Protein backbone atom coordinates (compact mmCIF):
# COMPACT_ATOMS: atom_id res chain seq x y z
CA MET A 1 17.25 -2.99 5.27
CA ARG A 2 17.62 -3.92 1.80
CA HIS A 3 16.81 -1.72 -0.64
CA ARG A 4 14.79 -1.77 -4.54
CA ARG A 5 14.83 0.28 -7.39
CA PHE A 6 11.53 1.97 -7.98
CA GLY A 7 10.99 1.43 -11.32
CA LYS A 8 11.91 4.14 -14.06
CA THR A 9 12.56 7.06 -11.16
CA ASP A 10 15.50 5.14 -10.39
CA TRP A 11 14.95 5.84 -6.68
CA GLN A 12 16.51 3.00 -4.35
CA VAL A 13 14.01 2.52 -1.66
CA SER A 14 13.65 0.35 1.08
CA GLU A 15 11.73 -3.16 0.37
CA ILE A 16 10.09 -2.86 3.53
CA GLY A 17 7.98 0.58 3.56
CA HIS A 18 5.66 2.10 6.36
CA GLY A 19 1.75 2.09 5.20
CA MET A 20 0.08 5.05 7.75
CA TRP A 21 -3.41 4.09 7.13
CA GLY A 22 -3.97 3.00 10.68
CA MET A 23 -2.18 6.05 12.34
CA GLY A 24 -4.88 8.22 10.66
CA SER A 25 -8.50 7.02 11.25
CA TRP A 26 -8.36 3.50 13.42
CA ALA A 27 -10.43 3.69 16.39
CA ASP A 28 -7.07 2.84 18.77
CA SER A 29 -4.61 5.59 16.68
CA ASP A 30 -2.44 7.59 18.78
CA ASP A 31 -0.15 10.18 17.52
CA ASP A 32 2.64 9.81 20.14
CA ARG A 33 2.60 6.53 19.86
CA SER A 34 2.82 6.65 15.78
CA LEU A 35 5.63 9.40 15.73
CA GLU A 36 7.89 6.79 17.62
CA ALA A 37 7.09 3.92 15.19
CA LEU A 38 7.49 6.60 12.35
CA GLN A 39 11.23 7.17 14.16
CA LEU A 40 12.05 3.73 14.47
CA SER A 41 11.39 2.81 11.01
CA VAL A 42 14.05 5.84 10.02
CA ASP A 43 16.40 4.17 12.41
CA SER A 44 15.95 1.25 10.82
CA GLY A 45 16.59 2.11 7.68
CA CYS A 46 12.78 2.31 6.04
CA THR A 47 12.95 4.93 3.73
CA PHE A 48 9.19 5.09 1.61
CA PHE A 49 6.21 6.05 3.88
CA ASP A 50 2.70 5.87 2.43
CA THR A 51 -0.15 7.45 3.05
CA ALA A 52 -3.72 9.56 1.82
CA TRP A 53 -5.65 12.27 2.44
CA ALA A 54 -7.95 9.97 3.57
CA TYR A 55 -6.03 8.69 6.37
CA GLY A 56 -7.96 10.71 8.88
CA ASP A 57 -8.88 14.03 6.37
CA GLY A 58 -5.37 14.67 6.24
CA ARG A 59 -4.22 13.58 9.86
CA SER A 60 -2.04 10.87 8.61
CA GLU A 61 0.29 13.32 6.46
CA VAL A 62 0.62 15.67 9.22
CA LEU A 63 2.09 12.94 11.00
CA LEU A 64 4.49 12.56 8.26
CA GLY A 65 5.44 16.23 8.04
CA ARG A 66 6.32 16.22 11.65
CA LEU A 67 8.46 12.96 10.93
CA LEU A 68 10.23 14.83 8.08
CA ARG A 69 11.33 17.29 10.36
CA ARG A 70 12.51 15.04 12.86
CA ASN A 71 15.42 14.12 10.07
CA PRO A 72 16.20 16.79 7.69
CA ASP A 73 19.39 14.81 7.16
CA LYS A 74 17.74 11.77 5.60
CA ARG A 75 16.36 10.78 2.51
CA LEU A 76 12.86 9.74 3.03
CA TYR A 77 10.48 9.12 -0.13
CA THR A 78 6.94 10.43 0.27
CA ALA A 79 3.84 9.03 -1.22
CA THR A 80 0.14 10.11 -0.68
CA LYS A 81 -3.06 9.18 -2.16
CA ILE A 82 -5.67 11.87 -3.98
CA PRO A 83 -9.08 10.85 -2.50
CA PRO A 84 -11.88 10.24 -4.74
CA LYS A 85 -14.05 13.24 -5.59
CA ASN A 86 -17.20 11.17 -5.17
CA ARG A 87 -15.76 9.29 -2.31
CA GLN A 88 -16.73 6.08 -3.31
CA TRP A 89 -14.53 3.28 -2.27
CA PRO A 90 -13.84 1.05 -4.25
CA SER A 91 -13.99 3.02 -8.00
CA VAL A 92 -17.13 0.86 -9.79
CA ARG A 93 -17.20 0.41 -14.02
CA GLY A 94 -18.77 3.21 -15.58
CA ALA A 95 -17.60 5.98 -13.38
CA GLU A 96 -16.94 9.04 -15.00
CA LEU A 97 -13.64 10.75 -14.94
CA ASP A 98 -14.89 14.20 -14.24
CA ASP A 99 -17.42 12.59 -10.97
CA VAL A 100 -13.80 11.10 -9.36
CA PHE A 101 -10.81 13.34 -10.40
CA PRO A 102 -11.32 16.38 -12.71
CA ALA A 103 -8.36 18.58 -13.37
CA ASP A 104 -9.40 21.73 -10.94
CA TYR A 105 -10.05 18.68 -8.26
CA ILE A 106 -6.64 16.93 -8.77
CA ARG A 107 -4.77 20.09 -8.30
CA GLU A 108 -6.97 21.19 -5.20
CA TYR A 109 -6.15 17.78 -3.06
CA VAL A 110 -2.35 17.60 -4.46
CA GLN A 111 -1.95 21.71 -2.71
CA ARG A 112 -3.89 20.27 0.46
CA SER A 113 -2.00 17.20 0.83
CA LEU A 114 1.41 19.88 0.85
CA LYS A 115 0.34 21.95 2.86
CA ASN A 116 -0.74 18.88 5.91
CA THR A 117 2.90 17.87 5.17
CA GLY A 118 4.19 20.89 5.34
CA VAL A 119 6.48 20.35 2.57
CA ASP A 120 6.39 22.20 -0.91
CA HIS A 121 7.00 18.79 -3.22
CA TYR A 122 5.64 15.04 -2.98
CA ASP A 123 7.86 12.39 -4.67
CA LEU A 124 4.87 10.32 -5.63
CA MET A 125 1.38 11.28 -5.64
CA GLN A 126 -1.44 8.47 -5.87
CA PHE A 127 -5.04 8.43 -7.28
CA HIS A 128 -6.64 6.49 -4.52
CA VAL A 129 -9.06 4.47 -7.06
CA TRP A 130 -8.74 3.80 -10.50
CA GLU A 131 -10.45 2.76 -13.77
CA ASP A 132 -8.50 1.84 -16.46
CA ALA A 133 -10.96 2.96 -18.90
CA TRP A 134 -9.55 6.45 -17.72
CA ALA A 135 -5.89 5.20 -18.92
CA GLU A 136 -5.81 7.56 -22.11
CA ASP A 137 -8.05 10.41 -21.27
CA GLU A 138 -5.89 13.57 -21.41
CA ARG A 139 -7.81 15.26 -19.10
CA TRP A 140 -6.04 14.09 -16.02
CA ILE A 141 -2.77 13.14 -17.99
CA ARG A 142 -2.17 16.95 -18.59
CA ALA A 143 -3.00 18.01 -14.92
CA VAL A 144 -0.29 15.64 -13.64
CA ASP A 145 2.07 16.70 -16.23
CA ASP A 146 1.56 20.21 -15.32
CA LEU A 147 2.34 19.25 -11.51
CA LYS A 148 5.52 17.43 -12.14
CA ALA A 149 6.67 20.57 -14.88
CA GLU A 150 5.91 22.71 -11.79
CA GLY A 151 8.05 20.13 -9.37
CA LEU A 152 4.93 19.58 -6.99
CA ILE A 153 5.41 16.25 -7.56
CA SER A 154 7.85 13.94 -9.12
CA GLY A 155 6.10 10.55 -9.76
CA THR A 156 2.60 9.28 -10.27
CA GLY A 157 0.69 6.05 -9.28
CA ILE A 158 -2.73 4.54 -9.17
CA SER A 159 -3.88 2.26 -6.19
CA ILE A 160 -5.88 -0.62 -7.62
CA ASN A 161 -9.30 -2.09 -5.98
CA ARG A 162 -9.17 -5.18 -3.80
CA TRP A 163 -9.01 -8.38 -5.92
CA GLU A 164 -9.40 -6.07 -9.56
CA SER A 165 -5.63 -6.83 -10.88
CA TRP A 166 -6.53 -6.56 -14.31
CA ASN A 167 -7.91 -2.84 -13.79
CA GLY A 168 -4.80 -0.91 -14.28
CA ILE A 169 -3.04 -2.95 -16.61
CA GLN A 170 -3.81 -0.69 -19.54
CA THR A 171 -2.65 2.29 -17.43
CA VAL A 172 0.52 0.92 -16.92
CA LYS A 173 0.88 0.36 -20.41
CA SER A 174 0.03 4.05 -21.49
CA GLY A 175 3.35 5.15 -20.20
CA HIS A 176 1.56 8.06 -17.78
CA ILE A 177 2.53 6.01 -14.48
CA GLU A 178 5.48 5.58 -12.35
CA SER A 179 3.51 3.22 -10.01
CA ILE A 180 1.06 0.74 -9.07
CA GLN A 181 -0.27 0.05 -5.73
CA VAL A 182 -1.96 -3.43 -5.20
CA ILE A 183 -2.89 -5.74 -2.44
CA TYR A 184 -0.62 -9.02 -3.11
CA ASN A 185 0.23 -11.64 -0.41
CA ILE A 186 0.15 -15.42 0.24
CA PHE A 187 -3.81 -15.69 -0.33
CA ASP A 188 -4.12 -12.92 -3.17
CA GLN A 189 -1.64 -14.34 -5.80
CA ASN A 190 -3.15 -13.43 -8.95
CA PRO A 191 -1.46 -10.19 -9.64
CA GLU A 192 1.40 -12.51 -10.58
CA ASP A 193 -0.25 -13.63 -13.76
CA GLU A 194 -1.07 -10.77 -15.62
CA LEU A 195 -0.66 -7.11 -14.10
CA PHE A 196 3.42 -7.80 -12.91
CA PRO A 197 4.90 -8.90 -16.16
CA VAL A 198 3.29 -5.82 -17.47
CA CYS A 199 4.65 -3.85 -14.65
CA ARG A 200 8.21 -5.38 -15.71
CA GLU A 201 8.07 -4.66 -19.17
CA ASN A 202 6.77 -1.05 -18.54
CA ASP A 203 9.55 -0.49 -15.59
CA VAL A 204 6.44 0.31 -13.51
CA ALA A 205 7.36 0.36 -9.66
CA ILE A 206 4.94 -2.25 -7.80
CA ILE A 207 4.08 -1.53 -4.06
CA ALA A 208 2.49 -4.09 -2.36
CA ARG A 209 -0.08 -3.25 -0.10
CA VAL A 210 -2.27 -5.50 2.81
CA PRO A 211 0.79 -8.41 3.34
CA PHE A 212 -0.96 -9.62 6.30
CA ASP A 213 -4.32 -9.71 4.58
CA GLU A 214 -5.56 -7.08 6.75
CA GLY A 215 -4.35 -9.20 9.67
CA ILE A 216 -5.76 -12.56 9.12
CA LEU A 217 -1.62 -13.06 8.11
CA THR A 218 -0.42 -11.78 11.60
CA GLY A 219 -2.28 -15.18 13.30
CA ASN A 220 -3.55 -13.01 16.23
CA LEU A 221 -7.69 -13.06 14.51
CA THR A 222 -9.59 -15.29 15.72
CA LYS A 223 -13.68 -16.10 14.80
CA GLU A 224 -14.32 -13.88 18.05
CA SER A 225 -12.94 -10.99 17.45
CA THR A 226 -14.33 -7.72 17.38
CA TRP A 227 -12.85 -3.89 17.30
CA PRO A 228 -14.78 -0.35 18.22
CA ASP A 229 -17.39 1.04 17.17
CA GLY A 230 -16.39 2.84 13.70
CA ASP A 231 -13.54 0.82 12.87
CA TRP A 232 -13.67 -0.40 9.58
CA ARG A 233 -12.28 -3.50 10.34
CA ASN A 234 -16.21 -4.59 11.63
CA LEU A 235 -17.16 -4.19 7.99
CA TYR A 236 -14.77 -6.04 6.45
CA PHE A 237 -14.47 -9.25 8.51
CA VAL A 238 -17.86 -10.24 8.28
CA PRO A 239 -18.88 -13.75 9.70
CA GLU A 240 -18.41 -14.56 5.51
CA ASN A 241 -15.01 -13.39 5.70
CA LEU A 242 -13.87 -13.54 8.81
CA HIS A 243 -14.25 -17.58 9.71
CA PRO A 244 -12.63 -18.68 6.01
CA SER A 245 -10.09 -16.38 6.63
CA VAL A 246 -8.98 -17.25 10.33
CA ASP A 247 -9.26 -20.87 9.23
CA ARG A 248 -6.80 -20.43 6.24
CA ALA A 249 -4.67 -18.74 8.49
CA ASP A 250 -4.47 -21.94 10.53
CA VAL A 251 -3.25 -23.93 8.41
CA LEU A 252 -0.74 -21.63 7.60
CA LYS A 253 0.23 -21.91 11.20
CA GLU A 254 1.34 -25.30 11.13
CA ILE A 255 4.07 -24.80 8.61
CA VAL A 256 5.78 -21.54 9.79
CA PRO A 257 9.24 -22.89 10.44
CA GLY A 258 10.77 -22.93 14.21
CA GLY A 259 12.43 -19.66 14.94
CA MET A 260 10.30 -17.86 12.44
CA THR A 261 6.61 -16.08 12.86
CA LEU A 262 3.50 -16.22 10.05
CA PRO A 263 4.07 -12.60 10.11
CA GLU A 264 7.60 -12.79 9.01
CA MET A 265 6.77 -15.42 6.93
CA ALA A 266 4.18 -13.34 4.83
CA LEU A 267 6.52 -10.86 4.13
CA ARG A 268 9.51 -12.64 3.24
CA PHE A 269 7.05 -14.73 0.89
CA ILE A 270 6.09 -11.51 -1.02
CA LEU A 271 10.01 -10.63 -1.14
CA ASN A 272 10.56 -13.86 -2.93
CA ASN A 273 9.26 -11.86 -5.81
CA PRO A 274 11.75 -9.64 -7.49
CA ASP A 275 9.09 -7.65 -9.51
CA VAL A 276 8.12 -6.17 -6.05
CA THR A 277 9.62 -2.88 -5.27
CA THR A 278 8.61 -2.41 -1.41
CA ILE A 279 5.70 -3.68 0.94
CA ILE A 280 3.80 -1.30 3.10
CA PRO A 281 2.73 -2.81 6.05
CA GLY A 282 1.08 -0.90 8.73
CA MET A 283 3.10 -0.18 11.46
CA ARG A 284 1.41 1.83 14.60
CA LYS A 285 3.55 -0.04 17.46
CA LEU A 286 7.31 -0.47 17.80
CA ASN A 287 7.03 -3.94 18.33
CA HIS A 288 5.79 -4.14 14.43
CA VAL A 289 8.48 -2.00 13.06
CA THR A 290 11.18 -4.01 14.63
CA SER A 291 9.58 -7.52 13.19
CA ASN A 292 8.49 -6.34 9.77
CA CYS A 293 12.46 -4.43 9.19
CA ALA A 294 14.03 -7.70 10.40
CA ALA A 295 12.30 -9.58 7.41
CA SER A 296 14.41 -7.69 5.00
CA ASP A 297 17.42 -8.77 6.60
CA ALA A 298 16.58 -12.13 6.75
CA GLY A 299 15.89 -12.23 2.60
CA PRO A 300 13.28 -14.61 0.67
CA LEU A 301 12.01 -17.62 1.64
CA PRO A 302 14.10 -20.80 1.15
CA GLU A 303 12.68 -21.97 -1.89
CA GLU A 304 11.16 -25.29 -1.17
CA LEU A 305 8.85 -23.30 1.75
CA HIS A 306 7.59 -20.67 -0.93
CA LYS A 307 6.94 -23.57 -3.26
CA VAL A 308 4.62 -24.50 -0.34
CA LEU A 309 3.17 -21.19 0.41
CA ARG A 310 1.95 -21.12 -3.47
CA ALA A 311 -0.40 -23.69 -2.84
CA HIS A 312 -2.60 -21.41 -0.71
CA ARG A 313 -3.24 -19.10 -3.45
CA TRP A 314 -6.64 -17.94 -3.09
CA GLU A 315 -9.29 -16.87 -6.01
CA ARG A 316 -11.45 -14.44 -4.12
CA VAL A 317 -14.08 -11.73 -6.43
CA PRO A 318 -14.90 -8.71 -4.84
CA THR A 319 -18.08 -8.20 -2.96
CA GLU A 320 -20.47 -5.49 -0.88
CA TRP A 321 -17.98 -6.21 2.08
CA SER A 322 -14.61 -6.26 0.29
CA TYR A 323 -14.09 -2.71 -0.41
C-alpha cells in the first residue's frame, strides 16, 4: 500500500482508504462481515477510514470504534461527518447556515460521534453537505476552532454535492479547512478543471469518493438490476440513469487490458492524478478489500491507457434523483 500526504496536516495516509457508508445503512449490511472487511483493510495497509453519523444513525461509527480497539498499536486515521440539521441531502442554494449547521448543533454531533466510536478525538470532522456561500461565516469557523483548541478534532473538511465541484472553491481558498471530499472517477472528471488546482494552491487534501460511480464502474450492474425495498440505490438508479450508465460501462469493458479488471482500472485511473490524496471505495466484503488495495500496489495506469479513458468524461448536472 502506498501513502500520500494529507495536505497541510502532513499526515501520511494510505492512498486507498475505506469508505464505510454501506456498512451502516444498506439493505444487506452485516456487522460481523463488515468488521472482517475492516480488519483485512488494516492488515493490507489501509490507514484512512471514512464514516458519518448518517451511516445508520451512528452504526458505522460504532463499527469504526470496534476496529480501533482491535488495533491499538496501529495509527489509523479517523474521519466522520456531521449530518445537516435539516436532514436535507444535497444542500440547496439559499440554505441558511442556522438551519443546517448552527454552532451548538456542530458541537452536539461531534460529541455524539465521539461517543459512538468510543474515542476522545477524531482526526477529521467533515460537514456532510456544504454551500460555498458559508465559506467566511464566522459562526462555523469559531465553532470548529473551539473544537480544535479543546483537542476534540484535528482537522475540518467538507463534502460537496454530486456534480457540483465548484461548490467548495471559496471555502478551500478561505484557509479554514484541511480537506474536501468530492466525486471523482472515469466519468466525473470535472473537479480537475477548477477545484483541484485551488486545492493544490491551498494545500487542501482531496478525498475522492464514489470511484465506481455507485457501482456502475464495477461492471456488475445491468439494466435489470434491482435492490431490496428501502435501499438507497433504488432511488438513484432510476431507468434514466441506470440505462445510459450501463451502456457506458459496457463500452469501457472493451478497453480493459488483459489481466486487469474494470474496478482496478477505475481506481488506477484516479491514482494517475497526484492531486488526489486518498480514494474511499466502499468495501463491505473481503474480496473488495483484496482487489481494491491491490490497485495501490499496481500503481497508476500506463499513460496511453489513461489518455484513452479521459475521453470517457461524462458531463452531468444534478437532478431530482442524483442526491
